[in-house]
C-alpha atoms as a PDB file:
ATOM      1  CA  UNK A   1       0.324   0.207  -0.325  1.00  0.00           C
ATOM      2  CA  UNK A   2       1.682   2.859  -1.403  1.00  0.00           C
ATOM      3  CA  UNK A   3       0.327   4.980   1.448  1.00  0.00           C
ATOM      4  CA  UNK A   4       1.445   3.424   4.646  1.00  0.00           C
ATOM      5  CA  UNK A   5       2.929   5.148   7.650  1.00  0.00           C
ATOM      6  CA  UNK A   6       1.451   8.472   5.468  1.00  0.00           C
ATOM      7  CA  UNK A   7      -0.374  11.150   7.564  1.00  0.00           C
ATOM      8  CA  UNK A   8      -2.301  13.495   5.049  1.00  0.00           C
ATOM      9  CA  UNK A   9      -5.025  16.353   5.936  1.00  0.00           C
ATOM     10  CA  UNK A  10      -7.799  16.969   3.406  1.00  0.00           C
ATOM     11  CA  UNK A  11     -10.411  19.762   4.155  1.00  0.00           C
ATOM     12  CA  UNK A  12     -13.867  19.790   3.096  1.00  0.00           C
ATOM     13  CA  UNK A  13     -14.447  16.376   3.555  1.00  0.00           C
ATOM     14  CA  UNK A  14     -18.091  16.380   3.750  1.00  0.00           C
ATOM     15  CA  UNK A  15     -17.888  17.404   0.214  1.00  0.00           C
ATOM     16  CA  UNK A  16     -18.551  14.878  -3.113  1.00  0.00           C
ATOM     17  CA  UNK A  17     -14.947  15.339  -4.264  1.00  0.00           C
ATOM     18  CA  UNK A  18     -13.076  15.292  -0.909  1.00  0.00           C
ATOM     19  CA  UNK A  19     -15.439  12.188   0.349  1.00  0.00           C
ATOM     20  CA  UNK A  20     -13.856  10.226  -2.696  1.00  0.00           C
ATOM     21  CA  UNK A  21     -10.321  11.427  -2.028  1.00  0.00           C
ATOM     22  CA  UNK A  22     -10.852  10.069   1.345  1.00  0.00           C
ATOM     23  CA  UNK A  23     -11.777   7.009   0.303  1.00  0.00           C
ATOM     24  CA  UNK A  24      -9.027   6.299  -1.883  1.00  0.00           C
ATOM     25  CA  UNK A  25      -6.544   7.802   0.712  1.00  0.00           C
ATOM     26  CA  UNK A  26      -7.930   4.934   3.120  1.00  0.00           C
ATOM     27  CA  UNK A  27      -7.522   2.360   0.426  1.00  0.00           C
ATOM     28  CA  UNK A  28      -4.028   3.230   0.057  1.00  0.00           C
ATOM     29  CA  UNK A  29      -3.104   2.792   3.361  1.00  0.00           C
ATOM     30  CA  UNK A  30      -2.598   6.338   4.459  1.00  0.00           C
ATOM     31  CA  UNK A  31      -3.647   7.831   7.739  1.00  0.00           C
ATOM     32  CA  UNK A  32      -6.393  10.822   6.911  1.00  0.00           C
ATOM     33  CA  UNK A  33      -7.395  13.930   9.365  1.00  0.00           C
ATOM     34  CA  UNK A  34     -10.401  15.273   7.829  1.00  0.00           C
ATOM     35  CA  UNK A  35     -11.929  18.620   8.365  1.00  0.00           C
ATOM     36  CA  UNK A  36     -15.450  19.653   8.423  1.00  0.00           C
ATOM     37  CA  UNK A  37     -17.566  22.564   9.893  1.00  0.00           C
ATOM     38  CA  UNK A  38     -19.448  20.823  12.234  1.00  0.00           C
ATOM     39  CA  UNK A  39     -18.173  17.105  13.363  1.00  0.00           C
ATOM     40  CA  UNK A  40     -21.144  16.527  15.169  1.00  0.00           C
ATOM     41  CA  UNK A  41     -23.383  16.414  12.147  1.00  0.00           C
ATOM     42  CA  UNK A  42     -23.684  12.593  11.225  1.00  0.00           C
ATOM     43  CA  UNK A  43     -25.366  13.717   8.100  1.00  0.00           C
ATOM     44  CA  UNK A  44     -21.993  15.074   7.197  1.00  0.00           C
ATOM     45  CA  UNK A  45     -19.620  12.771   8.330  1.00  0.00           C
ATOM     46  CA  UNK A  46     -21.744   9.267   8.344  1.00  0.00           C
ATOM     47  CA  UNK A  47     -20.545   8.581   4.653  1.00  0.00           C
ATOM     48  CA  UNK A  48     -16.969   8.923   5.825  1.00  0.00           C
ATOM     49  CA  UNK A  49     -17.309   6.944   9.075  1.00  0.00           C
ATOM     50  CA  UNK A  50     -18.521   4.371   7.254  1.00  0.00           C
ATOM     51  CA  UNK A  51     -15.585   4.062   4.922  1.00  0.00           C
ATOM     52  CA  UNK A  52     -12.801   1.029   4.754  1.00  0.00           C
ATOM     53  CA  UNK A  53     -10.263   1.746   7.197  1.00  0.00           C
ATOM     54  CA  UNK A  54     -12.065   5.092   8.443  1.00  0.00           C
ATOM     55  CA  UNK A  55     -12.532   3.135  12.139  1.00  0.00           C
ATOM     56  CA  UNK A  56      -8.546   2.753  12.112  1.00  0.00           C
ATOM     57  CA  UNK A  57      -7.386   5.372  10.039  1.00  0.00           C
ATOM     58  CA  UNK A  58     -10.247   8.559   9.868  1.00  0.00           C
ATOM     59  CA  UNK A  59      -9.591  11.226  12.480  1.00  0.00           C
ATOM     60  CA  UNK A  60     -12.496  14.132  12.241  1.00  0.00           C
ATOM     61  CA  UNK A  61     -11.406  17.607  13.016  1.00  0.00           C
ATOM     62  CA  UNK A  62     -13.833  20.973  12.987  1.00  0.00           C
ATOM     63  CA  UNK A  63     -12.275  23.891  11.040  1.00  0.00           C
ATOM     64  CA  UNK A  64     -13.373  26.457   9.742  1.00  0.00           C
ATOM     65  CA  UNK A  65     -12.368  28.517   6.351  1.00  0.00           C
ATOM     66  CA  UNK A  66     -12.744  31.927   7.939  1.00  0.00           C
ATOM     67  CA  UNK A  67     -11.617  31.394  11.527  1.00  0.00           C
ATOM     68  CA  UNK A  68      -7.661  31.903  11.399  1.00  0.00           C
ATOM     69  CA  UNK A  69      -5.917  29.008  12.603  1.00  0.00           C
ATOM     70  CA  UNK A  70      -8.871  26.860  13.003  1.00  0.00           C
ATOM     71  CA  UNK A  71      -7.008  23.862  10.135  1.00  0.00           C
ATOM     72  CA  UNK A  72      -3.930  23.861  12.928  1.00  0.00           C
ATOM     73  CA  UNK A  73      -4.954  21.113  14.981  1.00  0.00           C
ATOM     74  CA  UNK A  74      -5.808  18.391  11.532  1.00  0.00           C
ATOM     75  CA  UNK A  75      -2.537  19.643   9.981  1.00  0.00           C
ATOM     76  CA  UNK A  76      -0.027  19.449  12.337  1.00  0.00           C
ATOM     77  CA  UNK A  77       2.224  16.385  11.801  1.00  0.00           C
ATOM     78  CA  UNK A  78       0.552  16.381   7.662  1.00  0.00           C
ATOM     79  CA  UNK A  79       3.132  14.736   5.019  1.00  0.00           C
ATOM     80  CA  UNK A  80       0.889  16.696   2.785  1.00  0.00           C
ATOM     81  CA  UNK A  81      -2.705  18.446   2.629  1.00  0.00           C
ATOM     82  CA  UNK A  82      -5.542  18.241   0.188  1.00  0.00           C
ATOM     83  CA  UNK A  83      -7.306  21.942   0.271  1.00  0.00           C
ATOM     84  CA  UNK A  84     -10.580  21.165  -1.555  1.00  0.00           C
ATOM     85  CA  UNK A  85     -12.815  23.007   0.826  1.00  0.00           C
ATOM     86  CA  UNK A  86     -14.715  25.858  -1.289  1.00  0.00           C
ATOM     87  CA  UNK A  87     -18.271  26.688  -2.085  1.00  0.00           C
ATOM     88  CA  UNK A  88     -20.113  25.547  -4.988  1.00  0.00           C
ATOM     89  CA  UNK A  89     -22.697  27.627  -6.103  1.00  0.00           C
ATOM     90  CA  UNK A  90     -24.157  29.428  -8.979  1.00  0.00           C
ATOM     91  CA  UNK A  91     -26.823  31.302  -7.753  1.00  0.00           C
ATOM     92  CA  UNK A  92     -25.852  33.775  -4.537  1.00  0.00           C
ATOM     93  CA  UNK A  93     -27.242  37.011  -3.011  1.00  0.00           C
ATOM     94  CA  UNK A  94     -23.964  38.176  -1.715  1.00  0.00           C
ATOM     95  CA  UNK A  95     -21.164  36.704  -3.699  1.00  0.00           C
ATOM     96  CA  UNK A  96     -18.339  38.468  -1.313  1.00  0.00           C
ATOM     97  CA  UNK A  97     -19.624  37.122   1.631  1.00  0.00           C
ATOM     98  CA  UNK A  98     -20.756  33.362   0.248  1.00  0.00           C
ATOM     99  CA  UNK A  99     -18.238  32.997  -2.216  1.00  0.00           C
ATOM    100  CA  UNK A 100     -15.190  35.197  -2.560  1.00  0.00           C
ATOM    101  CA  UNK A 101     -14.079  35.195   0.724  1.00  0.00           C
ATOM    102  CA  UNK A 102     -14.479  31.798   2.190  1.00  0.00           C
ATOM    103  CA  UNK A 103     -12.789  30.427  -1.414  1.00  0.00           C
ATOM    104  CA  UNK A 104      -9.671  33.249  -0.814  1.00  0.00           C
ATOM    105  CA  UNK A 105      -9.643  33.653   2.539  1.00  0.00           C
ATOM    106  CA  UNK A 106      -9.912  29.921   3.330  1.00  0.00           C
ATOM    107  CA  UNK A 107      -7.748  29.268   1.060  1.00  0.00           C
ATOM    108  CA  UNK A 108      -4.865  31.603   2.428  1.00  0.00           C
ATOM    109  CA  UNK A 109      -5.765  30.408   6.252  1.00  0.00           C
ATOM    110  CA  UNK A 110      -5.270  26.961   4.988  1.00  0.00           C
ATOM    111  CA  UNK A 111      -1.422  27.779   3.159  1.00  0.00           C
ATOM    112  CA  UNK A 112      -0.575  29.865   6.008  1.00  0.00           C
ATOM    113  CA  UNK A 113      -0.908  26.839   8.166  1.00  0.00           C
ATOM    114  CA  UNK A 114       0.978  24.826   5.941  1.00  0.00           C
ATOM    115  CA  UNK A 115       3.609  27.268   5.506  1.00  0.00           C
ATOM    116  CA  UNK A 116       4.097  27.042   9.145  1.00  0.00           C
ATOM    117  CA  UNK A 117       4.088  23.463   9.299  1.00  0.00           C
ATOM    118  CA  UNK A 118       7.279  21.710   8.907  1.00  0.00           C
ATOM    119  CA  UNK A 119       5.986  18.424   8.714  1.00  0.00           C
ATOM    120  CA  UNK A 120       4.052  19.296   5.170  1.00  0.00           C
ATOM    121  CA  UNK A 121       5.804  18.437   1.829  1.00  0.00           C
ATOM    122  CA  UNK A 122       2.980  19.180  -0.401  1.00  0.00           C
ATOM    123  CA  UNK A 123       0.009  20.789  -0.867  1.00  0.00           C
ATOM    124  CA  UNK A 124      -2.667  20.074  -3.471  1.00  0.00           C
ATOM    125  CA  UNK A 125      -5.479  22.676  -4.071  1.00  0.00           C
ATOM    126  CA  UNK A 126      -8.803  22.050  -5.847  1.00  0.00           C
ATOM    127  CA  UNK A 127      -9.408  24.616  -8.334  1.00  0.00           C
ATOM    128  CA  UNK A 128     -11.493  24.833 -11.126  1.00  0.00           C
ATOM    129  CA  UNK A 129     -11.730  24.767 -14.417  1.00  0.00           C
ATOM    130  CA  UNK A 130     -13.988  28.126 -13.832  1.00  0.00           C
ATOM    131  CA  UNK A 131     -10.513  29.340 -13.356  1.00  0.00           C
ATOM    132  CA  UNK A 132      -9.496  28.439 -16.851  1.00  0.00           C
ATOM    133  CA  UNK A 133     -12.472  28.952 -19.568  1.00  0.00           C
ATOM    134  CA  UNK A 134     -13.944  32.200 -18.618  1.00  0.00           C
ATOM    135  CA  UNK A 135     -11.729  34.208 -21.189  1.00  0.00           C
ATOM    136  CA  UNK A 136     -11.889  37.600 -23.803  1.00  0.00           C
ATOM    137  CA  UNK A 137     -12.423  36.872 -27.044  1.00  0.00           C
ATOM    138  CA  UNK A 138     -14.656  33.726 -25.997  1.00  0.00           C
ATOM    139  CA  UNK A 139     -13.255  30.306 -26.710  1.00  0.00           C
ATOM    140  CA  UNK A 140     -13.839  28.868 -29.985  1.00  0.00           C
ATOM    141  CA  UNK A 141     -13.849  25.843 -32.188  1.00  0.00           C
ATOM    142  CA  UNK A 142      -9.789  25.676 -32.959  1.00  0.00           C
ATOM    143  CA  UNK A 143      -8.725  27.138 -29.340  1.00  0.00           C
ATOM    144  CA  UNK A 144      -6.899  24.012 -27.510  1.00  0.00           C
ATOM    145  CA  UNK A 145      -7.413  24.727 -23.760  1.00  0.00           C
ATOM    146  CA  UNK A 146      -4.362  23.899 -21.516  1.00  0.00           C
ATOM    147  CA  UNK A 147      -2.850  24.227 -18.067  1.00  0.00           C
ATOM    148  CA  UNK A 148      -1.468  28.099 -19.426  1.00  0.00           C
ATOM    149  CA  UNK A 149      -4.991  29.299 -19.443  1.00  0.00           C
ATOM    150  CA  UNK A 150      -6.627  31.491 -16.793  1.00  0.00           C
ATOM    151  CA  UNK A 151     -10.019  32.925 -16.395  1.00  0.00           C
ATOM    152  CA  UNK A 152      -9.742  36.635 -16.477  1.00  0.00           C
ATOM    153  CA  UNK A 153     -11.353  37.776 -13.415  1.00  0.00           C
ATOM    154  CA  UNK A 154     -12.614  41.244 -14.188  1.00  0.00           C
ATOM    155  CA  UNK A 155     -14.692  39.598 -17.201  1.00  0.00           C
ATOM    156  CA  UNK A 156     -15.826  37.607 -14.537  1.00  0.00           C
ATOM    157  CA  UNK A 157     -16.936  40.750 -12.011  1.00  0.00           C
ATOM    158  CA  UNK A 158     -18.566  42.328 -15.405  1.00  0.00           C
ATOM    159  CA  UNK A 159     -20.959  39.228 -16.688  1.00  0.00           C
ATOM    160  CA  UNK A 160     -21.339  38.240 -12.712  1.00  0.00           C
ATOM    161  CA  UNK A 161     -19.630  35.303 -13.108  1.00  0.00           C
ATOM    162  CA  UNK A 162     -18.881  35.007  -9.443  1.00  0.00           C
ATOM    163  CA  UNK A 163     -18.077  31.228  -9.090  1.00  0.00           C
ATOM    164  CA  UNK A 164     -15.567  31.522 -11.500  1.00  0.00           C
ATOM    165  CA  UNK A 165     -14.725  34.763 -10.237  1.00  0.00           C
ATOM    166  CA  UNK A 166     -14.112  32.684  -6.235  1.00  0.00           C
ATOM    167  CA  UNK A 167     -11.940  30.061  -8.077  1.00  0.00           C
ATOM    168  CA  UNK A 168      -9.803  32.389  -9.894  1.00  0.00           C
ATOM    169  CA  UNK A 169      -8.917  34.718  -7.335  1.00  0.00           C
ATOM    170  CA  UNK A 170      -8.732  32.275  -4.972  1.00  0.00           C
ATOM    171  CA  UNK A 171      -6.337  30.326  -7.291  1.00  0.00           C
ATOM    172  CA  UNK A 172      -4.151  33.445  -7.982  1.00  0.00           C
ATOM    173  CA  UNK A 173      -3.693  34.493  -4.264  1.00  0.00           C
ATOM    174  CA  UNK A 174      -2.735  30.586  -4.083  1.00  0.00           C
ATOM    175  CA  UNK A 175       0.271  30.870  -6.825  1.00  0.00           C
ATOM    176  CA  UNK A 176       1.096  34.104  -5.568  1.00  0.00           C
ATOM    177  CA  UNK A 177       1.354  32.723  -2.091  1.00  0.00           C
ATOM    178  CA  UNK A 178       2.933  29.749  -2.381  1.00  0.00           C
ATOM    179  CA  UNK A 179       6.095  31.526  -4.526  1.00  0.00           C
ATOM    180  CA  UNK A 180       6.387  34.003  -2.303  1.00  0.00           C
ATOM    181  CA  UNK A 181       6.863  31.204   0.532  1.00  0.00           C
ATOM    182  CA  UNK A 182       8.153  28.691  -1.379  1.00  0.00           C
ATOM    183  CA  UNK A 183       5.282  25.455  -0.548  1.00  0.00           C
ATOM    184  CA  UNK A 184       5.427  23.218  -3.025  1.00  0.00           C
ATOM    185  CA  UNK A 185       1.370  23.323  -4.233  1.00  0.00           C
ATOM    186  CA  UNK A 186      -0.019  21.531  -7.337  1.00  0.00           C
ATOM    187  CA  UNK A 187      -3.767  22.776  -8.780  1.00  0.00           C
ATOM    188  CA  UNK A 188      -6.115  20.363  -9.872  1.00  0.00           C
ATOM    189  CA  UNK A 189      -8.929  21.925 -12.277  1.00  0.00           C
ATOM    190  CA  UNK A 190     -11.706  19.327 -13.050  1.00  0.00           C
ATOM    191  CA  UNK A 191     -14.457  20.289 -14.984  1.00  0.00           C
ATOM    192  CA  UNK A 192     -18.389  19.029 -14.222  1.00  0.00           C
ATOM    193  CA  UNK A 193     -17.923  16.183 -11.852  1.00  0.00           C
ATOM    194  CA  UNK A 194     -20.501  13.260 -12.063  1.00  0.00           C
ATOM    195  CA  UNK A 195     -20.029   9.740 -11.457  1.00  0.00           C
ATOM    196  CA  UNK A 196     -21.656   8.025  -7.671  1.00  0.00           C
ATOM    197  CA  UNK A 197     -22.025   9.833  -4.631  1.00  0.00           C
ATOM    198  CA  UNK A 198     -20.706   8.499  -1.101  1.00  0.00           C
ATOM    199  CA  UNK A 199     -22.590  11.478   0.504  1.00  0.00           C
ATOM    200  CA  UNK A 200     -26.077  11.404   1.164  1.00  0.00           C
ATOM    201  CA  UNK A 201     -27.508  14.575  -0.822  1.00  0.00           C
ATOM    202  CA  UNK A 202     -27.157  15.918  -4.160  1.00  0.00           C
ATOM    203  CA  UNK A 203     -24.253  18.134  -5.462  1.00  0.00           C
ATOM    204  CA  UNK A 204     -24.857  20.364  -7.180  1.00  0.00           C
ATOM    205  CA  UNK A 205     -22.724  19.137 -10.489  1.00  0.00           C
ATOM    206  CA  UNK A 206     -25.015  15.459 -10.406  1.00  0.00           C
ATOM    207  CA  UNK A 207     -27.423  17.297  -9.581  1.00  0.00           C
ATOM    208  CA  UNK A 208     -27.557  18.642 -13.384  1.00  0.00           C
ATOM    209  CA  UNK A 209     -27.569  15.119 -14.444  1.00  0.00           C
ATOM    210  CA  UNK A 210     -31.397  15.129 -12.388  1.00  0.00           C
ATOM    211  CA  UNK A 211     -31.836  18.419 -13.826  1.00  0.00           C
ATOM    212  CA  UNK A 212     -31.860  16.622 -17.673  1.00  0.00           C
ATOM    213  CA  UNK A 213     -33.979  13.992 -16.629  1.00  0.00           C
ATOM    214  CA  UNK A 214     -36.271  16.582 -15.254  1.00  0.00           C
ATOM    215  CA  UNK A 215     -36.236  18.155 -18.575  1.00  0.00           C
ATOM    216  CA  UNK A 216     -34.484  21.242 -17.010  1.00  0.00           C
ATOM    217  CA  UNK A 217     -31.006  22.466 -18.427  1.00  0.00           C
ATOM    218  CA  UNK A 218     -28.948  24.158 -15.621  1.00  0.00           C
ATOM    219  CA  UNK A 219     -27.253  26.461 -17.649  1.00  0.00           C
ATOM    220  CA  UNK A 220     -29.736  26.670 -21.016  1.00  0.00           C
ATOM    221  CA  UNK A 221     -26.355  25.653 -22.784  1.00  0.00           C
ATOM    222  CA  UNK A 222     -26.586  22.581 -25.579  1.00  0.00           C
ATOM    223  CA  UNK A 223     -23.200  21.009 -23.981  1.00  0.00           C
ATOM    224  CA  UNK A 224     -21.609  20.052 -21.318  1.00  0.00           C
ATOM    225  CA  UNK A 225     -18.113  18.188 -20.643  1.00  0.00           C
ATOM    226  CA  UNK A 226     -18.384  15.670 -17.788  1.00  0.00           C
ATOM    227  CA  UNK A 227     -15.506  14.134 -16.101  1.00  0.00           C
ATOM    228  CA  UNK A 228     -15.615  11.159 -13.523  1.00  0.00           C
ATOM    229  CA  UNK A 229     -15.313  11.857  -9.699  1.00  0.00           C
ATOM    230  CA  UNK A 230     -13.009   8.581  -9.164  1.00  0.00           C
ATOM    231  CA  UNK A 231     -10.746  10.132 -12.133  1.00  0.00           C
ATOM    232  CA  UNK A 232     -11.189  13.290 -10.460  1.00  0.00           C
ATOM    233  CA  UNK A 233     -10.192  12.033  -6.978  1.00  0.00           C
ATOM    234  CA  UNK A 234      -7.544   9.741  -8.112  1.00  0.00           C
ATOM    235  CA  UNK A 235      -6.210  12.205 -10.131  1.00  0.00           C
ATOM    236  CA  UNK A 236      -5.643  14.220  -6.737  1.00  0.00           C
ATOM    237  CA  UNK A 237      -3.668  11.368  -4.950  1.00  0.00           C
ATOM    238  CA  UNK A 238      -1.107  10.944  -7.739  1.00  0.00           C
ATOM    239  CA  UNK A 239      -0.270  14.243  -7.754  1.00  0.00           C
ATOM    240  CA  UNK A 240       0.990  13.309  -3.898  1.00  0.00           C
ATOM    241  CA  UNK A 241       2.446  10.218  -5.206  1.00  0.00           C
ATOM    242  CA  UNK A 242       4.192  11.309  -7.983  1.00  0.00           C
ATOM    243  CA  UNK A 243       7.413  13.372  -7.258  1.00  0.00           C
ATOM    244  CA  UNK A 244       8.006  15.369 -10.405  1.00  0.00           C
ATOM    245  CA  UNK A 245       3.791  16.535 -10.251  1.00  0.00           C
ATOM    246  CA  UNK A 246       4.425  20.294 -10.386  1.00  0.00           C
ATOM    247  CA  UNK A 247       1.687  23.292 -11.352  1.00  0.00           C
ATOM    248  CA  UNK A 248      -1.892  22.835 -12.709  1.00  0.00           C
ATOM    249  CA  UNK A 249      -3.566  19.954 -14.241  1.00  0.00           C
ATOM    250  CA  UNK A 250      -6.837  19.925 -16.219  1.00  0.00           C
ATOM    251  CA  UNK A 251      -9.019  17.018 -15.509  1.00  0.00           C
ATOM    252  CA  UNK A 252     -12.263  17.231 -18.285  1.00  0.00           C
ATOM    253  CA  UNK A 253     -14.141  15.089 -20.501  1.00  0.00           C
ATOM    254  CA  UNK A 254     -15.203  15.274 -24.316  1.00  0.00           C
ATOM    255  CA  UNK A 255     -18.111  18.073 -25.159  1.00  0.00           C
ATOM    256  CA  UNK A 256     -21.288  16.367 -24.921  1.00  0.00           C
ATOM    257  CA  UNK A 257     -24.907  17.193 -26.021  1.00  0.00           C
ATOM    258  CA  UNK A 258     -27.828  17.295 -23.551  1.00  0.00           C
ATOM    259  CA  UNK A 259     -29.350  15.460 -26.160  1.00  0.00           C
ATOM    260  CA  UNK A 260     -26.499  13.307 -26.094  1.00  0.00           C
ATOM    261  CA  UNK A 261     -26.996  12.887 -22.959  1.00  0.00           C
ATOM    262  CA  UNK A 262     -30.403  12.001 -22.814  1.00  0.00           C
ATOM    263  CA  UNK A 263     -29.493   9.153 -25.323  1.00  0.00           C
ATOM    264  CA  UNK A 264     -26.977   7.475 -23.511  1.00  0.00           C
ATOM    265  CA  UNK A 265     -29.665   7.703 -20.341  1.00  0.00           C
ATOM    266  CA  UNK A 266     -32.383   5.992 -22.596  1.00  0.00           C
ATOM    267  CA  UNK A 267     -29.655   3.614 -23.867  1.00  0.00           C
ATOM    268  CA  UNK A 268     -28.549   2.599 -20.175  1.00  0.00           C
ATOM    269  CA  UNK A 269     -31.909   2.876 -18.246  1.00  0.00           C
ATOM    270  CA  UNK A 270     -34.725   2.096 -20.421  1.00  0.00           C
ATOM    271  CA  UNK A 271     -37.446   2.223 -17.564  1.00  0.00           C
ATOM    272  CA  UNK A 272     -35.778   5.875 -16.651  1.00  0.00           C
ATOM    273  CA  UNK A 273     -38.797   8.156 -17.723  1.00  0.00           C
ATOM    274  CA  UNK A 274     -36.770  12.200 -19.630  1.00  0.00           C
ATOM    275  CA  UNK A 275     -39.177  14.918 -19.146  1.00  0.00           C
ATOM    276  CA  UNK A 276     -39.419  17.045 -22.409  1.00  0.00           C
ATOM    277  CA  UNK A 277     -36.976  19.410 -22.418  1.00  0.00           C
ATOM    278  CA  UNK A 278     -39.697  22.958 -22.486  1.00  0.00           C
ATOM    279  CA  UNK A 279     -39.420  22.409 -26.275  1.00  0.00           C
ATOM    280  CA  UNK A 280     -35.608  23.878 -25.540  1.00  0.00           C
ATOM    281  CA  UNK A 281     -33.911  23.732 -28.480  1.00  0.00           C
ATOM    282  CA  UNK A 282     -30.011  22.355 -28.845  1.00  0.00           C
ATOM    283  CA  UNK A 283     -27.888  25.436 -29.005  1.00  0.00           C
ATOM    284  CA  UNK A 284     -25.160  25.025 -31.583  1.00  0.00           C
ATOM    285  CA  UNK A 285     -22.464  25.588 -29.198  1.00  0.00           C
ATOM    286  CA  UNK A 286     -18.780  26.158 -31.118  1.00  0.00           C
ATOM    287  CA  UNK A 287     -16.976  24.051 -28.684  1.00  0.00           C
ATOM    288  CA  UNK A 288     -13.142  24.348 -27.564  1.00  0.00           C
ATOM    289  CA  UNK A 289     -10.888  21.639 -27.382  1.00  0.00           C
ATOM    290  CA  UNK A 290      -9.171  20.767 -24.205  1.00  0.00           C
ATOM    291  CA  UNK A 291      -5.815  18.986 -23.685  1.00  0.00           C
ATOM    292  CA  UNK A 292      -5.738  16.326 -20.857  1.00  0.00           C
ATOM    293  CA  UNK A 293      -2.299  14.974 -21.469  1.00  0.00           C
ATOM    294  CA  UNK A 294      -0.747  16.523 -18.563  1.00  0.00           C
ATOM    295  CA  UNK A 295      -3.903  14.558 -16.109  1.00  0.00           C
ATOM    296  CA  UNK A 296      -2.981  11.380 -18.418  1.00  0.00           C
ATOM    297  CA  UNK A 297       0.819  11.793 -17.197  1.00  0.00           C
ATOM    298  CA  UNK A 298      -0.148  11.363 -13.707  1.00  0.00           C
ATOM    299  CA  UNK A 299      -1.453   7.669 -14.945  1.00  0.00           C
ATOM    300  CA  UNK A 300      -4.814   8.895 -14.832  1.00  0.00           C
ATOM    301  CA  UNK A 301      -7.189   6.667 -17.456  1.00  0.00           C
ATOM    302  CA  UNK A 302     -10.682   8.810 -18.338  1.00  0.00           C
ATOM    303  CA  UNK A 303     -14.024   6.663 -17.759  1.00  0.00           C
ATOM    304  CA  UNK A 304     -16.084   7.143 -20.429  1.00  0.00           C
ATOM    305  CA  UNK A 305     -19.000   8.868 -19.621  1.00  0.00           C
ATOM    306  CA  UNK A 306     -21.717   5.814 -20.478  1.00  0.00           C
ATOM    307  CA  UNK A 307     -19.949   4.739 -17.262  1.00  0.00           C
ATOM    308  CA  UNK A 308     -20.050   7.361 -15.568  1.00  0.00           C
ATOM    309  CA  UNK A 309     -23.883   8.151 -16.091  1.00  0.00           C
ATOM    310  CA  UNK A 310     -24.734   4.439 -15.157  1.00  0.00           C
ATOM    311  CA  UNK A 311     -22.657   4.884 -12.244  1.00  0.00           C
ATOM    312  CA  UNK A 312     -24.537   8.361 -11.374  1.00  0.00           C
ATOM    313  CA  UNK A 313     -27.779   7.178 -11.933  1.00  0.00           C
ATOM    314  CA  UNK A 314     -27.340   3.425 -10.157  1.00  0.00           C
ATOM    315  CA  UNK A 315     -25.890   5.577  -6.658  1.00  0.00           C
ATOM    316  CA  UNK A 316     -28.408   8.487  -7.796  1.00  0.00           C
ATOM    317  CA  UNK A 317     -31.434   5.838  -6.881  1.00  0.00           C
ATOM    318  CA  UNK A 318     -29.893   3.911  -3.944  1.00  0.00           C
ATOM    319  CA  UNK A 319     -29.230   7.178  -1.937  1.00  0.00           C
ATOM    320  CA  UNK A 320     -33.371   7.596  -2.946  1.00  0.00           C
ATOM    321  CA  UNK A 321     -32.538  11.015  -5.181  1.00  0.00           C
ATOM    322  CA  UNK A 322     -33.877  10.510  -8.347  1.00  0.00           C
END
């Protein structure tokens, strides 16, 4: 087992990606110190405590992104830290308080503790393709997006794209802090994530599949890119286990239209009743290309969308969320 004897911290572990990272780390023999806002809230922790290896090697810690120093206990004595905690919301009343402060200040709060903890050798931060794709001029079919692309914060601000703004500002602040303080940091930039859920509630990206089934399209766009949560979690762990890992890693899938997704769902689950898309016509979106060679170099093989969709639906049914 690769992680035998190693101690790592994962922040925001009640979330979708983080739960899978914890599951994978435990399977690989790591001891995991996991932060949640309220360790006594069983709705947020039961699925973690039920994971294989949790009894022996999972410890929960209370921490809050906006409380300075609240991650010290969890990070103390760790070899590495996975910082995944950050709010995911697309509808907000007060973007500064709901998204930007927790994303930016939370990241700096965690990195400050890492800087002051001599045992920490590497920090892996979960960002998003939202910190990559919002650019002027907009991306076209001839563009090949890679790790050198950054979203433009001013454009995010003008267009009120608050979530991309929060991810972009947080990632920019993280790179600056890591550079100033000599922190070995690797950043993951996943797209919309689907696949089986471990937590008992719907998260934003899986809810998009539920919306497509129910005839709603979250962003009224004709196409999406989906990536499997298990691939994203593995990429995070590989970023720790690969000494040469560095910089950013885009983890994203090929472009599929809403109609493609519906067709696949019909084939996979003939008994699934798919609502009409309220007469929504498919917008002919000029999609860009995405280069995921860097993530593949970590040893991540991308799960085909058929498998991801199938496992998403099975998991939603098991959790009575569909």
